[in-house]
Protein backbone atom coordinates (compact mmCIF):
# COMPACT_ATOMS: atom_id res chain seq x y z
CA MET A 1 90.27 73.16 72.43
CA GLY A 2 87.46 74.96 74.04
CA LEU A 3 85.87 76.56 77.07
CA ARG A 4 86.39 75.01 80.61
CA SER A 5 84.28 76.37 83.09
CA ILE A 6 85.66 77.17 86.46
CA ARG A 7 82.64 77.29 89.25
CA LEU A 8 83.53 80.07 91.81
CA PRO A 9 82.28 80.58 95.26
CA GLN A 10 80.10 83.68 96.18
CA THR A 11 83.46 85.72 96.77
CA GLY A 12 84.13 85.21 93.17
CA ILE A 13 87.42 83.80 94.25
CA PHE A 14 88.88 80.45 94.23
CA LEU A 15 92.43 79.06 95.33
CA TYR A 16 92.90 75.32 94.74
CA GLU A 17 95.53 72.67 94.27
CA SER A 18 96.04 70.99 90.80
CA LYS A 19 98.20 67.80 90.83
CA HIS A 20 99.78 66.52 87.24
CA ARG A 21 101.56 63.06 87.09
CA GLU A 22 104.59 62.82 84.97
CA GLY A 23 103.73 62.97 81.23
CA ASP A 24 100.26 64.29 82.03
CA VAL A 25 98.98 66.62 79.08
CA VAL A 26 96.27 69.15 79.65
CA ASP A 27 95.04 70.12 76.02
CA VAL A 28 94.56 73.72 74.91
CA HIS A 29 91.91 75.47 76.51
CA HIS A 30 90.60 78.63 77.72
CA HIS A 31 88.48 80.00 80.86
CA ASP A 32 85.85 82.81 81.11
CA VAL A 33 87.68 83.92 84.58
CA TYR A 34 90.91 85.01 85.50
CA GLN A 35 93.65 82.50 86.54
CA ILE A 36 97.17 82.81 88.22
CA LEU A 37 98.85 79.51 88.15
CA TYR A 38 101.85 79.14 90.86
CA ALA A 39 104.21 75.99 90.50
CA LEU A 40 104.86 74.77 94.04
CA ASP A 41 106.89 71.92 92.69
CA GLY A 42 107.96 69.90 89.70
CA GLU A 43 108.79 70.78 86.00
CA GLY A 44 106.81 70.97 82.74
CA ARG A 45 106.03 73.31 79.91
CA ILE A 46 103.30 75.58 79.62
CA ALA A 47 101.81 77.04 76.08
CA LEU A 48 100.26 80.46 76.45
CA GLU A 49 98.64 81.94 73.42
CA GLY A 50 100.63 79.79 71.04
CA ARG A 51 104.05 80.28 72.67
CA ALA A 52 105.85 77.63 74.47
CA HIS A 53 107.51 78.32 77.92
CA GLU A 54 109.28 76.43 80.45
CA ALA A 55 107.50 75.83 83.86
CA ALA A 56 109.33 75.27 87.20
CA ARG A 57 109.31 75.89 90.92
CA ASP A 58 107.83 79.13 91.66
CA GLN A 59 106.93 80.04 88.23
CA VAL A 60 103.93 82.52 87.93
CA VAL A 61 101.42 82.56 85.03
CA PHE A 62 98.94 85.24 84.83
CA ILE A 63 96.11 84.01 82.46
CA ALA A 64 93.33 86.37 81.26
CA PRO A 65 89.93 85.21 80.35
CA GLY A 66 89.81 83.68 76.99
CA ALA A 67 93.61 83.21 76.50
CA GLU A 68 94.45 79.68 74.96
CA HIS A 69 96.78 77.75 77.18
CA ALA A 70 98.02 74.07 77.73
CA ILE A 71 100.24 72.19 80.32
CA VAL A 72 102.58 69.46 79.79
CA SER A 73 104.28 68.06 82.92
CA ASP A 74 107.57 66.57 82.59
CA THR A 75 107.92 65.29 86.14
CA ARG A 76 105.04 65.47 88.77
CA LEU A 77 103.91 68.91 88.89
CA THR A 78 101.84 70.55 91.62
CA LEU A 79 100.55 73.90 90.96
CA LEU A 80 98.29 76.25 92.88
CA VAL A 81 95.32 77.46 90.89
CA LEU A 82 93.95 80.92 91.71
CA ALA A 83 90.77 81.76 89.90
CA PHE A 84 88.85 84.77 90.11
CA ASP A 85 86.07 87.08 88.36
CA ALA A 86 86.71 90.63 87.12
CA ALA A 87 85.34 92.15 90.38
CA ALA A 88 88.63 92.44 91.77
CA LEU A 89 90.46 94.19 88.86
CA ARG A 90 87.50 96.64 88.61
CA VAL A 91 88.45 97.51 92.25
CA LEU A 92 92.14 97.62 91.68
CA SER A 93 91.53 99.85 88.42
CA ALA A 94 89.78 102.41 90.71
CA LEU A 95 92.55 102.30 93.36
CA GLU A 96 95.53 102.23 90.93
CA PRO A 97 94.53 102.08 87.10
CA ALA A 98 98.33 101.63 86.11
CA ALA A 99 98.36 98.44 88.01
CA ALA A 100 95.15 97.21 86.35
CA THR A 101 96.33 98.20 82.89
CA ALA A 102 99.58 95.96 83.66
CA LEU A 103 97.18 93.16 83.94
CA SER A 104 95.20 93.42 80.95
CA ARG A 105 97.40 90.72 79.02
CA SER A 106 98.61 87.05 79.96
CA PHE A 107 102.36 86.74 80.60
CA LEU A 108 104.67 84.53 82.83
CA HIS A 109 106.92 85.66 85.51
CA LYS A 110 109.76 84.18 87.34
CA PRO A 111 110.05 85.67 90.86
CA GLY A 112 113.45 86.21 92.43
CA ALA A 113 114.19 84.45 95.60
CA LEU A 114 113.02 86.89 97.85
CA GLN A 115 109.71 87.89 95.88
CA SER A 116 109.04 84.02 95.83
CA GLY A 117 108.76 84.13 99.92
CA GLU A 118 106.37 87.03 99.44
CA TRP A 119 104.07 85.00 96.76
CA ARG A 120 104.28 82.01 99.26
CA GLY A 121 103.34 84.33 102.23
CA TRP A 122 100.36 85.76 100.41
CA LEU A 123 99.14 82.42 98.92
CA ARG A 124 99.13 80.64 102.38
CA LYS A 125 97.16 83.77 103.80
CA LEU A 126 94.81 83.50 100.98
CA LEU A 127 94.17 79.90 101.78
CA HIS A 128 93.72 80.61 105.30
CA ASP A 129 91.26 83.39 104.62
CA GLN A 130 89.27 81.19 102.11
CA ALA A 131 88.95 78.49 105.01
CA ARG A 132 87.50 81.24 107.21
CA ALA A 133 85.30 82.58 104.73
CA GLU A 134 82.95 79.48 104.95
CA GLN A 135 82.62 79.94 108.68
CA GLU A 136 82.77 83.96 109.46
CA PRO A 137 80.42 86.71 108.35
CA LEU A 138 83.43 88.96 107.33
CA GLY A 139 85.46 86.04 105.92
CA GLY A 140 84.72 86.89 102.32
CA SER A 141 85.91 90.40 102.69
CA ALA A 142 89.50 89.00 103.96
CA VAL A 143 89.69 86.78 100.79
CA LYS A 144 89.05 89.83 98.50
CA LEU A 145 91.47 91.94 100.34
CA THR A 146 94.20 89.45 100.11
CA LEU A 147 93.65 89.12 96.50
CA LEU A 148 93.99 92.49 95.79
CA ASN A 149 97.59 92.45 97.39
CA VAL A 150 98.42 89.63 95.21
CA LEU A 151 97.19 91.34 92.19
CA HIS A 152 99.22 94.47 93.10
CA MET A 153 102.18 92.46 93.50
CA LEU A 154 101.65 90.74 90.29
CA ALA A 155 101.18 94.17 88.42
CA LYS A 156 104.42 95.63 89.75
CA SER A 157 106.12 92.42 88.47
CA ALA A 158 104.73 93.14 85.07
CA GLN A 159 105.84 96.91 85.20
CA ALA A 160 109.30 96.03 86.59
CA PRO A 161 112.26 96.29 83.97
CA THR A 162 113.32 93.14 82.12
CA ALA A 163 116.90 94.07 82.10
CA GLY A 164 119.51 95.82 84.28
CA ASP A 165 122.11 94.82 86.72
CA ALA A 166 121.04 92.09 89.03
CA ASN A 167 122.59 93.53 92.24
CA THR A 168 120.64 96.88 91.27
CA LEU A 169 117.69 94.89 91.19
CA ARG A 170 118.48 93.10 94.36
CA ALA A 171 119.14 96.18 96.22
CA GLU A 172 115.74 97.63 94.98
CA ARG A 173 113.85 94.60 96.03
CA ILE A 174 115.60 94.83 99.41
CA ARG A 175 114.49 98.41 99.85
CA ARG A 176 110.95 97.62 98.69
CA ASN A 177 110.58 94.92 101.33
CA ILE A 178 111.96 97.18 103.90
CA ASP A 179 109.47 100.07 102.75
CA GLU A 180 106.44 97.65 103.02
CA HIS A 181 107.24 95.68 105.90
CA TYR A 182 109.21 98.15 108.23
CA PHE A 183 106.68 97.46 111.21
CA GLN A 184 107.63 93.58 111.26
CA PRO A 185 110.38 91.98 113.04
CA PHE A 186 113.58 92.01 110.73
CA SER A 187 116.36 89.44 110.24
CA LEU A 188 119.27 90.26 107.73
CA GLU A 189 120.10 86.32 107.91
CA ALA A 190 116.61 85.27 107.08
CA LEU A 191 116.28 88.08 104.25
CA ALA A 192 119.92 86.54 103.11
CA ASP A 193 118.63 83.27 103.16
CA LYS A 194 115.44 84.07 100.97
CA MET A 195 117.60 85.70 98.37
CA GLY A 196 120.12 82.89 98.49
CA ILE A 197 123.28 84.99 99.21
CA SER A 198 125.07 85.84 102.20
CA SER A 199 124.22 88.49 104.58
CA ARG A 200 127.42 90.23 103.87
CA TYR A 201 126.60 90.44 100.26
CA VAL A 202 123.35 91.78 101.16
CA ASN A 203 124.98 94.54 103.09
CA ALA A 204 127.47 95.11 100.27
CA ILE A 205 125.08 95.43 97.31
CA PHE A 206 122.48 97.37 99.39
CA LYS A 207 125.22 99.97 100.52
CA GLU A 208 126.59 100.23 96.92
CA GLN A 209 123.46 101.44 95.77
CA PHE A 210 121.99 103.62 98.55
CA GLY A 211 125.08 104.66 100.71
CA MET A 212 123.93 102.65 103.89
CA THR A 213 123.23 99.27 105.23
CA PRO A 214 119.89 97.57 105.05
CA VAL A 215 119.68 97.88 109.17
CA ARG A 216 120.36 101.32 108.87
CA TYR A 217 117.81 101.96 106.24
CA LEU A 218 115.13 100.34 108.21
CA THR A 219 115.72 102.46 111.22
CA GLU A 220 115.41 105.76 109.14
CA VAL A 221 112.27 104.76 107.96
CA ARG A 222 110.97 103.84 111.34
CA ILE A 223 112.18 106.86 112.85
CA GLU A 224 110.74 108.89 109.80
CA ARG A 225 107.38 107.31 110.23
CA ALA A 226 107.57 107.97 114.07
CA ARG A 227 108.21 111.55 113.54
CA LYS A 228 105.41 111.92 111.45
CA LEU A 229 102.98 110.02 113.95
CA LEU A 230 104.24 112.30 116.81
CA ALA A 231 103.83 115.64 114.93
CA GLU A 232 100.45 114.82 113.35
CA THR A 233 98.55 112.69 115.93
CA ASP A 234 97.76 112.43 119.54
CA LYS A 235 99.00 108.79 119.89
CA ASP A 236 100.58 107.75 122.98
CA ILE A 237 104.54 107.57 122.66
CA VAL A 238 104.36 103.93 123.48
CA SER A 239 101.82 103.24 120.85
CA VAL A 240 104.11 105.16 118.25
CA CYS A 241 106.89 102.84 119.44
CA PHE A 242 104.88 99.72 118.84
CA GLU A 243 103.22 100.85 115.63
CA VAL A 244 106.80 101.67 113.80
CA GLY A 245 108.19 98.28 114.97
CA TYR A 246 109.81 98.50 118.16
CA ASP A 247 109.25 96.17 121.09
CA THR A 248 110.80 98.04 123.87
CA LEU A 249 110.41 101.68 124.65
CA SER A 250 113.93 102.12 125.73
CA THR A 251 115.03 100.95 122.43
CA PHE A 252 112.77 103.45 120.53
CA TYR A 253 114.03 106.49 122.59
CA ARG A 254 117.64 105.68 122.37
CA THR A 255 117.36 104.96 118.60
CA PHE A 256 114.81 108.20 118.04
CA LYS A 257 117.45 110.56 119.85
CA ASN A 258 120.40 109.43 118.24
CA ILE A 259 118.97 110.21 115.11
CA VAL A 260 117.02 113.24 115.58
CA ARG A 261 118.94 114.54 118.70
CA LEU A 262 115.52 115.15 120.71
CA SER A 263 113.61 112.75 122.73
CA PRO A 264 110.19 111.70 121.25
CA LYS A 265 108.45 114.01 123.92
CA GLN A 266 110.72 116.94 123.01
CA TYR A 267 110.24 116.43 119.36
CA ARG A 268 106.36 116.57 119.69
CA GLN A 269 106.42 119.60 121.90
CA LEU A 270 108.56 121.30 119.24
CA ALA A 271 106.13 120.35 116.39
CA ARG A 272 103.18 121.53 118.37
CA GLU A 273 104.90 124.93 118.97
CA HIS A 274 105.16 125.16 115.29
CA GLY A 275 101.58 124.37 114.64
CA GLY A 276 101.93 120.56 114.55
CA GLU A 277 104.12 120.73 111.32
CA GLU A 278 107.27 118.43 111.33
CA GLN A 279 110.75 120.51 111.92
CA ASP A 280 113.80 119.55 110.28
CA PRO A 281 115.93 117.85 113.18
CA SER A 282 118.71 120.28 112.80
CA ILE A 283 116.07 123.31 113.91
CA ARG A 284 116.58 123.68 117.68
CA LYS A 285 115.47 126.49 120.11
């Protein structure tokens, strides 16, 4: 039992691999920095502030400075360890105080299938940014920005309800994923694979919760964003098309007109005639 120091680089952030053989025991200890443990593979147990928990693939453990913890590996256990100082939480607190408050204590979190994919994506990016930080002048800034995204995701998990209908929670995760990544390519099949359910089931639970399919919701999010850009900026229509996630101008025009009942050009002209304010699509001259 006692303090185990972790030496951090100039960025104040270090992501590294920690391997444990079957039967390995890491005795009770604590650190003077923050840690996030992400289980890549294997099974074991972790004692966190006197309470024992099962640890398995995709398990996330947030450990505050000074929190006593220990690890026992029942099989070969591979962890990614993200260690960082308090600077990132100070920035997060200034941007979103509630998120920082959610990270004021240690806790365990088991992401769902969809969120596990998000975790792995951010950790891969952080590894990539960390490697670049040693070679590029602005590489350290990329590491810090990526860490903020990881912490924000973790804070949302800490604030999430602990009970509720599983399908409602799944539908909310799908909606949040679309809201945050609407500008990226979308595949219903890939989303279903991440969640471990069929694409038909994804459609069913989302439609039950929100009254439309995920693809329809994605379309409405993209077009709503396009309306805002057309009304409030001078960006070329082809740039707006690209920014909201469409690869071809023809598809963007057709989709926009089907929903708004005006072409993007006509909609922009109408908005400018009304002082640059967006108009309800039912208002026509």
